Amino acid sequence: MLELQRIGLVVRDVSERYPVDRLERILAQHGAELVPLGAGATLENNGKPEIDLILAMGGDGTVLRALCIFPDVPVLGINFGSLGFLTAGEEADIDHLIDRLFGGDYFLEKR
């Protein structure tokens, strides 16, 4: 099971509105912190990512971009785009997806 303390957030378009406040509240209930990630996100000196998981909000392109930026960090995609084949659910599913994640009800798929 993943140790989830710092959850990174990658979004498709920074000018769009995403439920960031809602995510912060849900994650705080599980003892985790939401960390917005931009183009300048880096790795710590010891080579480990500064985050444990990435929430990618957008479509398949956003998920793929997150995987390219942090290839060794698991990504959970939430569809806010037009294509969502690589995403786990829609905006309406966020609470359920996060609860499942912290309950250990997930599988990791290497891509």
PDB file of N, CA and C in Angstrom:
ATOM      1  N   MET A   1       0.843  -1.180   0.000  1.00  0.00           N
ATOM      2  CA  MET A   1       0.000   0.000   0.000  1.00  0.00           C
ATOM      3  C   MET A   1       0.889   1.244   0.000  1.00  0.00           C
ATOM      4  N   LEU A   2       0.483   2.245  -0.749  1.00  0.00           N
ATOM      5  CA  LEU A   2       1.260   3.476  -0.842  1.00  0.00           C
ATOM      6  C   LEU A   2       1.155   4.287   0.447  1.00  0.00           C
ATOM      7  N   GLU A   3       2.251   4.932   0.802  1.00  0.00           N
ATOM      8  CA  GLU A   3       2.229   5.895   1.898  1.00  0.00           C
ATOM      9  C   GLU A   3       1.889   7.247   1.271  1.00  0.00           C
ATOM     10  N   LEU A   4       0.725   7.763   1.607  1.00  0.00           N
ATOM     11  CA  LEU A   4       0.228   8.969   0.955  1.00  0.00           C
ATOM     12  C   LEU A   4       0.175  10.134   1.933  1.00  0.00           C
ATOM     13  N   GLN A   5       1.201  10.971   1.878  1.00  0.00           N
ATOM     14  CA  GLN A   5       1.245  12.152   2.736  1.00  0.00           C
ATOM     15  C   GLN A   5       1.195  13.433   1.917  1.00  0.00           C
ATOM     16  N   ARG A   6       1.880  13.425   0.797  1.00  0.00           N
ATOM     17  CA  ARG A   6       1.913  14.613  -0.081  1.00  0.00           C
ATOM     18  C   ARG A   6       1.385  14.209  -1.447  1.00  0.00           C
ATOM     19  N   ILE A   7       0.272  14.811  -1.821  1.00  0.00           N
ATOM     20  CA  ILE A   7      -0.389  14.503  -3.074  1.00  0.00           C
ATOM     21  C   ILE A   7      -0.210  15.695  -4.014  1.00  0.00           C
ATOM     22  N   GLY A   8       0.459  15.472  -5.126  1.00  0.00           N
ATOM     23  CA  GLY A   8       0.668  16.529  -6.101  1.00  0.00           C
ATOM     24  C   GLY A   8      -0.566  16.714  -6.971  1.00  0.00           C
ATOM     25  N   LEU A   9      -0.768  17.916  -7.455  1.00  0.00           N
ATOM     26  CA  LEU A   9      -1.898  18.237  -8.327  1.00  0.00           C
ATOM     27  C   LEU A   9      -1.398  18.824  -9.627  1.00  0.00           C
ATOM     28  N   VAL A  10      -1.757  18.183 -10.731  1.00  0.00           N
ATOM     29  CA  VAL A  10      -1.464  18.672 -12.070  1.00  0.00           C
ATOM     30  C   VAL A  10      -2.810  18.891 -12.747  1.00  0.00           C
ATOM     31  N   VAL A  11      -2.993  20.063 -13.349  1.00  0.00           N
ATOM     32  CA  VAL A  11      -4.263  20.375 -14.018  1.00  0.00           C
ATOM     33  C   VAL A  11      -4.021  20.645 -15.495  1.00  0.00           C
ATOM     34  N   ARG A  12      -5.068  20.473 -16.273  1.00  0.00           N
ATOM     35  CA  ARG A  12      -4.979  20.675 -17.717  1.00  0.00           C
ATOM     36  C   ARG A  12      -4.760  22.134 -18.068  1.00  0.00           C
ATOM     37  N   ASP A  13      -5.526  23.006 -17.427  1.00  0.00           N
ATOM     38  CA  ASP A  13      -5.505  24.419 -17.796  1.00  0.00           C
ATOM     39  C   ASP A  13      -5.633  25.245 -16.518  1.00  0.00           C
ATOM     40  N   VAL A  14      -4.606  25.994 -16.167  1.00  0.00           N
ATOM     41  CA  VAL A  14      -4.623  26.751 -14.913  1.00  0.00           C
ATOM     42  C   VAL A  14      -5.683  27.841 -14.892  1.00  0.00           C
ATOM     43  N   SER A  15      -6.229  28.196 -16.049  1.00  0.00           N
ATOM     44  CA  SER A  15      -7.268  29.229 -16.060  1.00  0.00           C
ATOM     45  C   SER A  15      -8.655  28.654 -15.745  1.00  0.00           C
ATOM     46  N   GLU A  16      -8.789  27.338 -15.745  1.00  0.00           N
ATOM     47  CA  GLU A  16     -10.064  26.702 -15.408  1.00  0.00           C
ATOM     48  C   GLU A  16     -10.202  26.566 -13.900  1.00  0.00           C
ATOM     49  N   ARG A  17     -11.444  26.412 -13.455  1.00  0.00           N
ATOM     50  CA  ARG A  17     -11.717  26.234 -12.026  1.00  0.00           C
ATOM     51  C   ARG A  17     -11.789  24.742 -11.707  1.00  0.00           C
ATOM     52  N   TYR A  18     -11.030  24.331 -10.721  1.00  0.00           N
ATOM     53  CA  TYR A  18     -11.020  22.948 -10.254  1.00  0.00           C
ATOM     54  C   TYR A  18     -11.399  22.955  -8.777  1.00  0.00           C
ATOM     55  N   PRO A  19     -11.918  21.851  -8.258  1.00  0.00           N
ATOM     56  CA  PRO A  19     -12.362  21.798  -6.858  1.00  0.00           C
ATOM     57  C   PRO A  19     -11.197  21.625  -5.875  1.00  0.00           C
ATOM     58  N   VAL A  20     -10.265  22.567  -5.904  1.00  0.00           N
ATOM     59  CA  VAL A  20      -9.052  22.465  -5.084  1.00  0.00           C
ATOM     60  C   VAL A  20      -9.395  22.535  -3.597  1.00  0.00           C
ATOM     61  N   ASP A  21     -10.278  23.446  -3.197  1.00  0.00           N
ATOM     62  CA  ASP A  21     -10.652  23.537  -1.777  1.00  0.00           C
ATOM     63  C   ASP A  21     -11.260  22.235  -1.290  1.00  0.00           C
ATOM     64  N   ARG A  22     -12.114  21.666  -2.106  1.00  0.00           N
ATOM     65  CA  ARG A  22     -12.753  20.386  -1.757  1.00  0.00           C
ATOM     66  C   ARG A  22     -11.698  19.285  -1.618  1.00  0.00           C
ATOM     67  N   LEU A  23     -10.763  19.226  -2.555  1.00  0.00           N
ATOM     68  CA  LEU A  23      -9.687  18.235  -2.481  1.00  0.00           C
ATOM     69  C   LEU A  23      -8.847  18.411  -1.224  1.00  0.00           C
ATOM     70  N   GLU A  24      -8.507  19.649  -0.905  1.00  0.00           N
ATOM     71  CA  GLU A  24      -7.702  19.910   0.299  1.00  0.00           C
ATOM     72  C   GLU A  24      -8.425  19.408   1.549  1.00  0.00           C
ATOM     73  N   ARG A  25      -9.733  19.649   1.633  1.00  0.00           N
ATOM     74  CA  ARG A  25     -10.508  19.176   2.794  1.00  0.00           C
ATOM     75  C   ARG A  25     -10.540  17.656   2.872  1.00  0.00           C
ATOM     76  N   ILE A  26     -10.802  17.010   1.747  1.00  0.00           N
ATOM     77  CA  ILE A  26     -10.874  15.544   1.734  1.00  0.00           C
ATOM     78  C   ILE A  26      -9.528  14.943   2.118  1.00  0.00           C
ATOM     79  N   LEU A  27      -8.453  15.449   1.521  1.00  0.00           N
ATOM     80  CA  LEU A  27      -7.124  14.914   1.812  1.00  0.00           C
ATOM     81  C   LEU A  27      -6.717  15.178   3.255  1.00  0.00           C
ATOM     82  N   ALA A  28      -7.065  16.345   3.792  1.00  0.00           N
ATOM     83  CA  ALA A  28      -6.746  16.656   5.191  1.00  0.00           C
ATOM     84  C   ALA A  28      -7.434  15.677   6.138  1.00  0.00           C
ATOM     85  N   GLN A  29      -8.620  15.239   5.789  1.00  0.00           N
ATOM     86  CA  GLN A  29      -9.323  14.244   6.616  1.00  0.00           C
ATOM     87  C   GLN A  29      -8.546  12.935   6.682  1.00  0.00           C
ATOM     88  N   HIS A  30      -7.729  12.680   5.672  1.00  0.00           N
ATOM     89  CA  HIS A  30      -6.912  11.469   5.628  1.00  0.00           C
ATOM     90  C   HIS A  30      -5.469  11.742   6.056  1.00  0.00           C
ATOM     91  N   GLY A  31      -5.199  12.951   6.519  1.00  0.00           N
ATOM     92  CA  GLY A  31      -3.863  13.297   6.980  1.00  0.00           C
ATOM     93  C   GLY A  31      -2.874  13.579   5.864  1.00  0.00           C
ATOM     94  N   ALA A  32      -3.374  13.963   4.702  1.00  0.00           N
ATOM     95  CA  ALA A  32      -2.493  14.234   3.560  1.00  0.00           C
ATOM     96  C   ALA A  32      -2.593  15.695   3.150  1.00  0.00           C
ATOM     97  N   GLU A  33      -1.576  16.137   2.443  1.00  0.00           N
ATOM     98  CA  GLU A  33      -1.470  17.528   1.991  1.00  0.00           C
ATOM     99  C   GLU A  33      -1.534  17.573   0.466  1.00  0.00           C
ATOM    100  N   LEU A  34      -2.266  18.543  -0.078  1.00  0.00           N
ATOM    101  CA  LEU A  34      -2.331  18.756  -1.520  1.00  0.00           C
ATOM    102  C   LEU A  34      -1.257  19.759  -1.916  1.00  0.00           C
ATOM    103  N   VAL A  35      -0.442  19.395  -2.906  1.00  0.00           N
ATOM    104  CA  VAL A  35       0.667  20.232  -3.359  1.00  0.00           C
ATOM    105  C   VAL A  35       0.476  20.535  -4.844  1.00  0.00           C
ATOM    106  N   PRO A  36       0.051  21.766  -5.197  1.00  0.00           N
ATOM    107  CA  PRO A  36      -0.059  22.108  -6.619  1.00  0.00           C
ATOM    108  C   PRO A  36       1.309  22.048  -7.287  1.00  0.00           C
ATOM    109  N   LEU A  37       1.373  21.389  -8.434  1.00  0.00           N
ATOM    110  CA  LEU A  37       2.639  21.231  -9.149  1.00  0.00           C
ATOM    111  C   LEU A  37       2.604  22.024 -10.435  1.00  0.00           C
ATOM    112  N   GLY A  38       3.645  22.762 -10.655  1.00  0.00           N
ATOM    113  CA  GLY A  38       3.787  23.511 -11.898  1.00  0.00           C
ATOM    114  C   GLY A  38       4.947  22.964 -12.691  1.00  0.00           C
ATOM    115  N   ALA A  39       5.330  23.695 -13.699  1.00  0.00           N
ATOM    116  CA  ALA A  39       6.423  23.261 -14.566  1.00  0.00           C
ATOM    117  C   ALA A  39       7.745  23.182 -13.817  1.00  0.00           C
ATOM    118  N   GLY A  40       7.872  23.881 -12.681  1.00  0.00           N
ATOM    119  CA  GLY A  40       9.131  23.894 -11.953  1.00  0.00           C
ATOM    120  C   GLY A  40       9.252  22.833 -10.885  1.00  0.00           C
ATOM    121  N   ALA A  41       8.322  21.915 -10.786  1.00  0.00           N
ATOM    122  CA  ALA A  41       8.397  20.866  -9.770  1.00  0.00           C
ATOM    123  C   ALA A  41       9.649  20.028  -9.993  1.00  0.00           C
ATOM    124  N   THR A  42      10.306  19.665  -8.903  1.00  0.00           N
ATOM    125  CA  THR A  42      11.595  18.968  -9.011  1.00  0.00           C
ATOM    126  C   THR A  42      11.621  17.741  -8.114  1.00  0.00           C
ATOM    127  N   LEU A  43      12.763  17.062  -8.139  1.00  0.00           N
ATOM    128  CA  LEU A  43      13.014  15.941  -7.244  1.00  0.00           C
ATOM    129  C   LEU A  43      13.910  16.418  -6.113  1.00  0.00           C
ATOM    130  N   GLU A  44      13.732  15.792  -4.949  1.00  0.00           N
ATOM    131  CA  GLU A  44      14.589  16.124  -3.813  1.00  0.00           C
ATOM    132  C   GLU A  44      16.002  15.628  -4.081  1.00  0.00           C
ATOM    133  N   ASN A  45      16.935  16.047  -3.237  1.00  0.00           N
ATOM    134  CA  ASN A  45      18.344  15.682  -3.421  1.00  0.00           C
ATOM    135  C   ASN A  45      18.596  14.183  -3.400  1.00  0.00           C
ATOM    136  N   ASN A  46      17.806  13.433  -2.611  1.00  0.00           N
ATOM    137  CA  ASN A  46      18.052  11.994  -2.512  1.00  0.00           C
ATOM    138  C   ASN A  46      17.434  11.228  -3.680  1.00  0.00           C
ATOM    139  N   GLY A  47      16.883  11.924  -4.650  1.00  0.00           N
ATOM    140  CA  GLY A  47      16.344  11.272  -5.833  1.00  0.00           C
ATOM    141  C   GLY A  47      14.909  10.805  -5.703  1.00  0.00           C
ATOM    142  N   LYS A  48      14.324  10.958  -4.523  1.00  0.00           N
ATOM    143  CA  LYS A  48      12.930  10.565  -4.346  1.00  0.00           C
ATOM    144  C   LYS A  48      12.025  11.739  -4.689  1.00  0.00           C
ATOM    145  N   PRO A  49      10.872  11.465  -5.244  1.00  0.00           N
ATOM    146  CA  PRO A  49       9.949  12.560  -5.554  1.00  0.00           C
ATOM    147  C   PRO A  49       9.500  13.262  -4.279  1.00  0.00           C
ATOM    148  N   GLU A  50       9.224  14.538  -4.404  1.00  0.00           N
ATOM    149  CA  GLU A  50       8.742  15.295  -3.257  1.00  0.00           C
ATOM    150  C   GLU A  50       7.277  15.001  -2.977  1.00  0.00           C
ATOM    151  N   ILE A  51       6.670  14.145  -3.797  1.00  0.00           N
ATOM    152  CA  ILE A  51       5.268  13.778  -3.629  1.00  0.00           C
ATOM    153  C   ILE A  51       5.115  12.267  -3.717  1.00  0.00           C
ATOM    154  N   ASP A  52       4.004  11.763  -3.172  1.00  0.00           N
ATOM    155  CA  ASP A  52       3.753  10.325  -3.141  1.00  0.00           C
ATOM    156  C   ASP A  52       2.820   9.863  -4.258  1.00  0.00           C
ATOM    157  N   LEU A  53       1.998  10.783  -4.766  1.00  0.00           N
ATOM    158  CA  LEU A  53       1.026  10.464  -5.810  1.00  0.00           C
ATOM    159  C   LEU A  53       0.650  11.760  -6.499  1.00  0.00           C
ATOM    160  N   ILE A  54       0.283  11.676  -7.753  1.00  0.00           N
ATOM    161  CA  ILE A  54      -0.186  12.852  -8.482  1.00  0.00           C
ATOM    162  C   ILE A  54      -1.654  12.665  -8.823  1.00  0.00           C
ATOM    163  N   LEU A  55      -2.457  13.680  -8.534  1.00  0.00           N
ATOM    164  CA  LEU A  55      -3.818  13.763  -9.042  1.00  0.00           C
ATOM    165  C   LEU A  55      -3.738  14.587 -10.313  1.00  0.00           C
ATOM    166  N   ALA A  56      -4.100  13.992 -11.437  1.00  0.00           N
ATOM    167  CA  ALA A  56      -4.082  14.687 -12.718  1.00  0.00           C
ATOM    168  C   ALA A  56      -5.518  15.011 -13.098  1.00  0.00           C
ATOM    169  N   MET A  57      -5.841  16.301 -13.123  1.00  0.00           N
ATOM    170  CA  MET A  57      -7.196  16.731 -13.458  1.00  0.00           C
ATOM    171  C   MET A  57      -7.193  17.319 -14.858  1.00  0.00           C
ATOM    172  N   GLY A  58      -7.826  16.607 -15.751  1.00  0.00           N
ATOM    173  CA  GLY A  58      -7.883  16.994 -17.146  1.00  0.00           C
ATOM    174  C   GLY A  58      -8.362  15.788 -17.926  1.00  0.00           C
ATOM    175  N   GLY A  59      -7.729  15.536 -19.018  1.00  0.00           N
ATOM    176  CA  GLY A  59      -8.046  14.352 -19.811  1.00  0.00           C
ATOM    177  C   GLY A  59      -6.826  13.465 -19.919  1.00  0.00           C
ATOM    178  N   ASP A  60      -6.827  12.639 -20.932  1.00  0.00           N
ATOM    179  CA  ASP A  60      -5.709  11.718 -21.111  1.00  0.00           C
ATOM    180  C   ASP A  60      -4.383  12.443 -21.323  1.00  0.00           C
ATOM    181  N   GLY A  61      -4.409  13.589 -21.989  1.00  0.00           N
ATOM    182  CA  GLY A  61      -3.187  14.361 -22.194  1.00  0.00           C
ATOM    183  C   GLY A  61      -2.578  14.832 -20.883  1.00  0.00           C
ATOM    184  N   THR A  62      -3.409  15.212 -19.939  1.00  0.00           N
ATOM    185  CA  THR A  62      -2.927  15.653 -18.630  1.00  0.00           C
ATOM    186  C   THR A  62      -2.306  14.490 -17.875  1.00  0.00           C
ATOM    187  N   VAL A  63      -2.930  13.315 -17.956  1.00  0.00           N
ATOM    188  CA  VAL A  63      -2.377  12.119 -17.308  1.00  0.00           C
ATOM    189  C   VAL A  63      -1.018  11.790 -17.921  1.00  0.00           C
ATOM    190  N   LEU A  64      -0.930  11.811 -19.239  1.00  0.00           N
ATOM    191  CA  LEU A  64       0.335  11.498 -19.912  1.00  0.00           C
ATOM    192  C   LEU A  64       1.417  12.531 -19.586  1.00  0.00           C
ATOM    193  N   ARG A  65       1.034  13.793 -19.500  1.00  0.00           N
ATOM    194  CA  ARG A  65       1.999  14.841 -19.137  1.00  0.00           C
ATOM    195  C   ARG A  65       2.534  14.603 -17.724  1.00  0.00           C
ATOM    196  N   ALA A  66       1.645  14.250 -16.786  1.00  0.00           N
ATOM    197  CA  ALA A  66       2.074  13.974 -15.410  1.00  0.00           C
ATOM    198  C   ALA A  66       3.029  12.780 -15.377  1.00  0.00           C
ATOM    199  N   LEU A  67       2.728  11.756 -16.150  1.00  0.00           N
ATOM    200  CA  LEU A  67       3.603  10.576 -16.199  1.00  0.00           C
ATOM    201  C   LEU A  67       4.970  10.906 -16.781  1.00  0.00           C
ATOM    202  N   CYS A  68       5.007  11.837 -17.729  1.00  0.00           N
ATOM    203  CA  CYS A  68       6.294  12.236 -18.326  1.00  0.00           C
ATOM    204  C   CYS A  68       7.128  13.066 -17.357  1.00  0.00           C
ATOM    205  N   ILE A  69       6.477  13.948 -16.609  1.00  0.00           N
ATOM    206  CA  ILE A  69       7.198  14.812 -15.675  1.00  0.00           C
ATOM    207  C   ILE A  69       7.738  14.011 -14.501  1.00  0.00           C
ATOM    208  N   PHE A  70       6.920  13.108 -13.966  1.00  0.00           N
ATOM    209  CA  PHE A  70       7.293  12.278 -12.814  1.00  0.00           C
ATOM    210  C   PHE A  70       7.068  10.812 -13.156  1.00  0.00           C
ATOM    211  N   PRO A  71       7.961  10.200 -13.923  1.00  0.00           N
ATOM    212  CA  PRO A  71       7.723   8.832 -14.392  1.00  0.00           C
ATOM    213  C   PRO A  71       7.661   7.775 -13.290  1.00  0.00           C
ATOM    214  N   ASP A  72       8.211   8.040 -12.120  1.00  0.00           N
ATOM    215  CA  ASP A  72       8.228   7.040 -11.052  1.00  0.00           C
ATOM    216  C   ASP A  72       7.177   7.286  -9.978  1.00  0.00           C
ATOM    217  N   VAL A  73       6.267   8.242 -10.212  1.00  0.00           N
ATOM    218  CA  VAL A  73       5.237   8.578  -9.233  1.00  0.00           C
ATOM    219  C   VAL A  73       3.889   8.089  -9.757  1.00  0.00           C
ATOM    220  N   PRO A  74       3.125   7.368  -8.930  1.00  0.00           N
ATOM    221  CA  PRO A  74       1.791   6.938  -9.375  1.00  0.00           C
ATOM    222  C   PRO A  74       0.902   8.141  -9.678  1.00  0.00           C
ATOM    223  N   VAL A  75       0.033   7.989 -10.686  1.00  0.00           N
ATOM    224  CA  VAL A  75      -0.871   9.056 -11.115  1.00  0.00           C
ATOM    225  C   VAL A  75      -2.302   8.549 -11.048  1.00  0.00           C
ATOM    226  N   LEU A  76      -3.165   9.340 -10.431  1.00  0.00           N
ATOM    227  CA  LEU A  76      -4.604   9.078 -10.423  1.00  0.00           C
ATOM    228  C   LEU A  76      -5.252  10.162 -11.267  1.00  0.00           C
ATOM    229  N   GLY A  77      -5.842   9.775 -12.393  1.00  0.00           N
ATOM    230  CA  GLY A  77      -6.456  10.732 -13.297  1.00  0.00           C
ATOM    231  C   GLY A  77      -7.929  10.925 -12.999  1.00  0.00           C
ATOM    232  N   ILE A  78      -8.355  12.184 -12.985  1.00  0.00           N
ATOM    233  CA  ILE A  78      -9.763  12.533 -12.829  1.00  0.00           C
ATOM    234  C   ILE A  78     -10.150  13.347 -14.055  1.00  0.00           C
ATOM    235  N   ASN A  79     -11.142  12.872 -14.783  1.00  0.00           N
ATOM    236  CA  ASN A  79     -11.486  13.437 -16.086  1.00  0.00           C
ATOM    237  C   ASN A  79     -12.188  14.789 -15.979  1.00  0.00           C
ATOM    238  N   PHE A  80     -11.543  15.800 -16.516  1.00  0.00           N
ATOM    239  CA  PHE A  80     -12.120  17.119 -16.701  1.00  0.00           C
ATOM    240  C   PHE A  80     -11.985  17.507 -18.168  1.00  0.00           C
ATOM    241  N   GLY A  81     -11.577  16.562 -18.997  1.00  0.00           N
ATOM    242  CA  GLY A  81     -11.333  16.842 -20.401  1.00  0.00           C
ATOM    243  C   GLY A  81     -12.354  16.161 -21.281  1.00  0.00           C
ATOM    244  N   SER A  82     -12.002  16.040 -22.557  1.00  0.00           N
ATOM    245  CA  SER A  82     -12.916  15.417 -23.501  1.00  0.00           C
ATOM    246  C   SER A  82     -12.657  13.910 -23.620  1.00  0.00           C
ATOM    247  N   LEU A  83     -11.414  13.482 -23.446  1.00  0.00           N
ATOM    248  CA  LEU A  83     -11.091  12.057 -23.444  1.00  0.00           C
ATOM    249  C   LEU A  83     -10.635  11.661 -22.054  1.00  0.00           C
ATOM    250  N   GLY A  84     -11.113  10.539 -21.574  1.00  0.00           N
ATOM    251  CA  GLY A  84     -10.745  10.116 -20.233  1.00  0.00           C
ATOM    252  C   GLY A  84     -10.537   8.628 -20.122  1.00  0.00           C
ATOM    253  N   PHE A  85      -9.957   8.019 -21.145  1.00  0.00           N
ATOM    254  CA  PHE A  85      -9.729   6.580 -21.109  1.00  0.00           C
ATOM    255  C   PHE A  85      -8.730   6.184 -20.024  1.00  0.00           C
ATOM    256  N   LEU A  86      -7.789   7.070 -19.705  1.00  0.00           N
ATOM    257  CA  LEU A  86      -6.759   6.770 -18.713  1.00  0.00           C
ATOM    258  C   LEU A  86      -7.137   7.259 -17.312  1.00  0.00           C
ATOM    259  N   THR A  87      -8.299   7.873 -17.182  1.00  0.00           N
ATOM    260  CA  THR A  87      -8.704   8.418 -15.888  1.00  0.00           C
ATOM    261  C   THR A  87      -9.550   7.405 -15.120  1.00  0.00           C
ATOM    262  N   ALA A  88      -9.608   7.600 -13.800  1.00  0.00           N
ATOM    263  CA  ALA A  88     -10.349   6.682 -12.935  1.00  0.00           C
ATOM    264  C   ALA A  88     -11.794   7.100 -12.739  1.00  0.00           C
ATOM    265  N   GLY A  89     -12.115   8.343 -13.026  1.00  0.00           N
ATOM    266  CA  GLY A  89     -13.481   8.806 -12.824  1.00  0.00           C
ATOM    267  C   GLY A  89     -13.630  10.266 -13.188  1.00  0.00           C
ATOM    268  N   GLU A  90     -14.798  10.790 -12.885  1.00  0.00           N
ATOM    269  CA  GLU A  90     -15.165  12.168 -13.188  1.00  0.00           C
ATOM    270  C   GLU A  90     -15.131  13.013 -11.913  1.00  0.00           C
ATOM    271  N   GLU A  91     -15.389  14.311 -12.057  1.00  0.00           N
ATOM    272  CA  GLU A  91     -15.410  15.219 -10.906  1.00  0.00           C
ATOM    273  C   GLU A  91     -16.379  14.732  -9.828  1.00  0.00           C
ATOM    274  N   ALA A  92     -17.524  14.227 -10.225  1.00  0.00           N
ATOM    275  CA  ALA A  92     -18.527  13.756  -9.258  1.00  0.00           C
ATOM    276  C   ALA A  92     -18.025  12.577  -8.425  1.00  0.00           C
ATOM    277  N   ASP A  93     -16.984  11.893  -8.895  1.00  0.00           N
ATOM    278  CA  ASP A  93     -16.463  10.706  -8.215  1.00  0.00           C
ATOM    279  C   ASP A  93     -15.315  11.001  -7.250  1.00  0.00           C
ATOM    280  N   ILE A  94     -14.914  12.254  -7.115  1.00  0.00           N
ATOM    281  CA  ILE A  94     -13.704  12.589  -6.357  1.00  0.00           C
ATOM    282  C   ILE A  94     -13.738  12.038  -4.932  1.00  0.00           C
ATOM    283  N   ASP A  95     -14.796  12.289  -4.192  1.00  0.00           N
ATOM    284  CA  ASP A  95     -14.859  11.814  -2.797  1.00  0.00           C
ATOM    285  C   ASP A  95     -14.681  10.298  -2.737  1.00  0.00           C
ATOM    286  N   HIS A  96     -15.402   9.605  -3.580  1.00  0.00           N
ATOM    287  CA  HIS A  96     -15.350   8.139  -3.605  1.00  0.00           C
ATOM    288  C   HIS A  96     -13.947   7.647  -3.995  1.00  0.00           C
ATOM    289  N   LEU A  97     -13.342   8.262  -5.009  1.00  0.00           N
ATOM    290  CA  LEU A  97     -12.011   7.852  -5.449  1.00  0.00           C
ATOM    291  C   LEU A  97     -10.964   8.053  -4.355  1.00  0.00           C
ATOM    292  N   ILE A  98     -11.027   9.174  -3.669  1.00  0.00           N
ATOM    293  CA  ILE A  98     -10.054   9.459  -2.603  1.00  0.00           C
ATOM    294  C   ILE A  98     -10.255   8.501  -1.435  1.00  0.00           C
ATOM    295  N   ASP A  99     -11.510   8.240  -1.074  1.00  0.00           N
ATOM    296  CA  ASP A  99     -11.782   7.276   0.004  1.00  0.00           C
ATOM    297  C   ASP A  99     -11.251   5.890  -0.357  1.00  0.00           C
ATOM    298  N   ARG A 100     -11.470   5.468  -1.586  1.00  0.00           N
ATOM    299  CA  ARG A 100     -10.950   4.162  -2.031  1.00  0.00           C
ATOM    300  C   ARG A 100      -9.431   4.146  -1.997  1.00  0.00           C
ATOM    301  N   LEU A 101      -8.822   5.240  -2.435  1.00  0.00           N
ATOM    302  CA  LEU A 101      -7.370   5.339  -2.452  1.00  0.00           C
ATOM    303  C   LEU A 101      -6.794   5.143  -1.050  1.00  0.00           C
ATOM    304  N   PHE A 102      -7.324   5.880  -0.084  1.00  0.00           N
ATOM    305  CA  PHE A 102      -6.797   5.781   1.283  1.00  0.00           C
ATOM    306  C   PHE A 102      -7.239   4.507   1.997  1.00  0.00           C
ATOM    307  N   GLY A 103      -8.269   3.855   1.470  1.00  0.00           N
ATOM    308  CA  GLY A 103      -8.691   2.565   2.011  1.00  0.00           C
ATOM    309  C   GLY A 103      -7.921   1.398   1.421  1.00  0.00           C
ATOM    310  N   GLY A 104      -7.009   1.681   0.490  1.00  0.00           N
ATOM    311  CA  GLY A 104      -6.201   0.637  -0.120  1.00  0.00           C
ATOM    312  C   GLY A 104      -6.921  -0.104  -1.235  1.00  0.00           C
ATOM    313  N   ASP A 105      -8.055   0.405  -1.687  1.00  0.00           N
ATOM    314  CA  ASP A 105      -8.853  -0.239  -2.729  1.00  0.00           C
ATOM    315  C   ASP A 105      -8.437   0.306  -4.098  1.00  0.00           C
ATOM    316  N   TYR A 106      -7.269  -0.114  -4.565  1.00  0.00           N
ATOM    317  CA  TYR A 106      -6.733   0.318  -5.846  1.00  0.00           C
ATOM    318  C   TYR A 106      -5.718  -0.699  -6.330  1.00  0.00           C
ATOM    319  N   PHE A 107      -5.311  -0.575  -7.559  1.00  0.00           N
ATOM    320  CA  PHE A 107      -4.199  -1.356  -8.078  1.00  0.00           C
ATOM    321  C   PHE A 107      -3.310  -0.427  -8.870  1.00  0.00           C
ATOM    322  N   LEU A 108      -2.042  -0.749  -8.899  1.00  0.00           N
ATOM    323  CA  LEU A 108      -1.069   0.040  -9.672  1.00  0.00           C
ATOM    324  C   LEU A 108      -0.830  -0.664 -10.993  1.00  0.00           C
ATOM    325  N   GLU A 109      -0.878   0.115 -12.056  1.00  0.00           N
ATOM    326  CA  GLU A 109      -0.664  -0.421 -13.387  1.00  0.00           C
ATOM    327  C   GLU A 109       0.552   0.282 -13.989  1.00  0.00           C
ATOM    328  N   LYS A 110       1.555  -0.495 -14.369  1.00  0.00           N
ATOM    329  CA  LYS A 110       2.755   0.069 -14.997  1.00  0.00           C
ATOM    330  C   LYS A 110       2.444   0.415 -16.439  1.00  0.00           C
ATOM    331  N   ARG A 111       2.842   1.611 -16.840  1.00  0.00           N
ATOM    332  CA  ARG A 111       2.635   2.049 -18.235  1.00  0.00           C
ATOM    333  C   ARG A 111       3.933   2.578 -18.786  1.00  0.00           C
TER     334      ARG A 111
END
